[in-house]
Protein backbone atom coordinates (compact mmCIF):
# COMPACT_ATOMS: atom_id res chain seq x y z
CA MET A 1 162.52 105.93 112.28
CA THR A 2 160.99 102.59 111.99
CA ARG A 3 160.95 99.58 114.25
CA ASP A 4 162.82 97.70 111.52
CA LYS A 5 165.91 100.07 112.00
CA VAL A 6 166.58 99.44 115.67
CA LEU A 7 169.87 97.57 116.06
CA PHE A 8 170.91 95.51 118.94
CA HIS A 9 174.47 94.96 120.10
CA VAL A 10 175.17 92.39 122.81
CA CYS A 11 178.65 91.68 124.29
CA PRO A 12 179.45 88.04 124.32
CA GLN A 13 181.60 88.45 127.40
CA CYS A 14 179.64 90.69 129.92
CA GLY A 15 176.17 90.55 128.30
CA ASN A 16 175.99 94.24 128.11
CA VAL A 17 173.18 95.43 125.62
CA MET A 18 173.54 98.58 123.45
CA VAL A 19 170.56 99.76 121.18
CA SER A 20 171.11 102.10 118.28
CA TRP A 21 168.73 103.79 115.82
CA SER A 22 171.28 103.82 113.08
CA LYS A 23 174.46 101.91 112.13
CA CYS A 24 177.45 102.69 114.46
CA GLU A 25 180.54 101.15 115.73
CA VAL A 26 180.19 99.62 119.30
CA GLU A 27 182.86 98.31 121.48
CA CYS A 28 182.69 96.48 124.87
CA CYS A 29 185.27 94.42 126.81
CA LYS A 30 187.83 95.55 124.16
CA GLU A 31 185.82 93.82 121.34
CA ARG A 32 183.91 95.30 118.51
CA LEU A 33 180.34 94.11 118.51
CA GLU A 34 178.51 93.06 115.47
CA VAL A 35 174.73 93.97 115.10
CA GLN A 36 172.53 90.96 116.15
CA ASP A 37 170.26 90.18 113.29
CA PRO A 38 166.94 89.20 114.43
CA VAL A 39 165.25 86.01 112.99
CA GLU A 40 161.93 84.59 113.10
CA PRO A 41 161.50 82.15 116.16
CA LYS A 42 161.00 78.51 115.90
CA PRO A 43 157.88 77.28 117.67
CA ASP A 44 159.77 76.29 120.74
CA CYS A 45 161.14 79.82 121.09
CA ARG A 46 158.05 81.78 120.74
CA LEU A 47 156.97 84.24 123.32
CA ASP A 48 153.28 84.02 124.60
CA ILE A 49 151.89 87.57 124.40
CA GLU A 50 148.44 88.66 125.70
CA GLN A 51 146.99 92.02 126.26
CA ALA A 52 146.13 93.10 129.86
CA GLU A 53 144.32 96.55 129.74
CA ASP A 54 146.98 98.95 128.21
CA GLU A 55 149.93 96.70 128.87
CA LEU A 56 151.23 93.39 127.18
CA LEU A 57 152.28 90.33 129.40
CA VAL A 58 155.01 88.51 127.96
CA THR A 59 155.78 85.13 129.16
CA SER A 60 157.64 82.17 127.79
CA THR A 61 158.25 78.47 128.73
CA LEU A 62 161.88 78.55 127.62
CA PRO A 63 164.21 77.20 130.16
CA GLN A 64 165.66 79.72 132.53
CA THR A 65 168.94 78.02 133.76
CA LYS A 66 172.46 79.39 133.94
CA GLU A 67 173.36 77.62 130.62
CA ASP A 68 170.11 78.31 128.78
CA HIS A 69 168.12 81.48 129.64
CA VAL A 70 166.36 84.64 128.04
CA SER A 71 168.76 87.46 128.56
CA PHE A 72 166.14 90.31 127.64
CA VAL A 73 162.75 90.96 126.18
CA ALA A 74 162.24 94.32 124.19
CA LEU A 75 159.21 95.86 122.67
CA VAL A 76 160.25 97.80 119.54
CA GLN A 77 157.82 100.38 118.10
CA ASP A 78 158.17 103.09 115.29
CA ASP A 79 159.21 105.90 117.78
CA ARG A 80 160.42 104.05 121.02
CA TRP A 81 161.62 100.90 122.47
CA GLU A 82 161.48 99.27 125.92
CA ILE A 83 163.75 96.62 127.17
CA VAL A 84 163.60 94.48 130.27
CA ARG A 85 166.73 92.67 131.40
CA LEU A 86 166.24 89.07 132.77
CA TYR A 87 168.54 86.97 134.64
CA PRO A 88 169.14 83.05 134.78
CA GLU A 89 166.68 81.38 136.85
CA TRP A 90 164.06 84.15 136.72
CA ASP A 91 160.85 83.52 135.22
CA VAL A 92 159.97 85.13 131.93
CA ASN A 93 157.01 87.10 133.18
CA VAL A 94 157.18 90.78 131.75
CA TYR A 95 154.75 93.60 131.42
CA LEU A 96 155.51 96.07 128.52
CA LYS A 97 153.46 99.24 127.79
CA LYS A 98 151.48 98.84 124.55
CA ARG A 99 151.29 102.03 122.42
CA GLY A 100 150.17 100.60 119.06
CA ARG A 101 151.85 98.01 116.71
CA GLY A 102 155.30 96.79 117.29
CA LYS A 103 157.70 93.83 117.47
CA ALA A 104 158.73 91.95 120.38
CA MET A 105 162.36 90.90 120.63
CA LEU A 106 163.77 88.08 122.62
CA TYR A 107 167.49 87.34 123.20
CA PHE A 108 167.95 83.74 124.00
CA PHE A 109 171.29 82.49 125.35
CA ARG A 110 172.03 78.91 124.99
CA THR A 111 175.48 77.41 125.68
CA GLY A 112 177.75 78.39 122.82
CA ASN A 113 174.88 79.91 121.01
CA ARG A 114 173.12 83.39 121.16
CA ARG A 115 170.34 84.39 119.00
CA LEU A 116 168.11 87.43 118.79
CA PHE A 117 164.20 86.38 118.00
CA ARG A 118 161.67 88.88 116.45
CA GLN A 119 157.87 88.25 116.91
CA GLN A 120 155.22 90.72 115.26
CA ILE A 121 152.61 91.77 117.80
């Protein structure tokens, strides 16, 4: 498996996050969930990632209000993924275990708009 084949499904009603390595049908809250296609972030949605020994410190200046917030940060690598759930009004300050190259994923919820961003590390 490669990191490009990890699929994220996010329920728009309850915020539940499901991850799969291959295509599948996922339902939550009696609704079929579509795969969230990651996009390259705009400069104002980028994560700040710095190495701290064998971990990555992921921070962001994105707003963390009830209306606009980062829902989760994930590190996707060839053979594994790690996901950290965040909540409104929490700072984006996440440590992830670094085990080689990968992609950082950020799911940003903005009132009426949800988006999965991908950033190479």
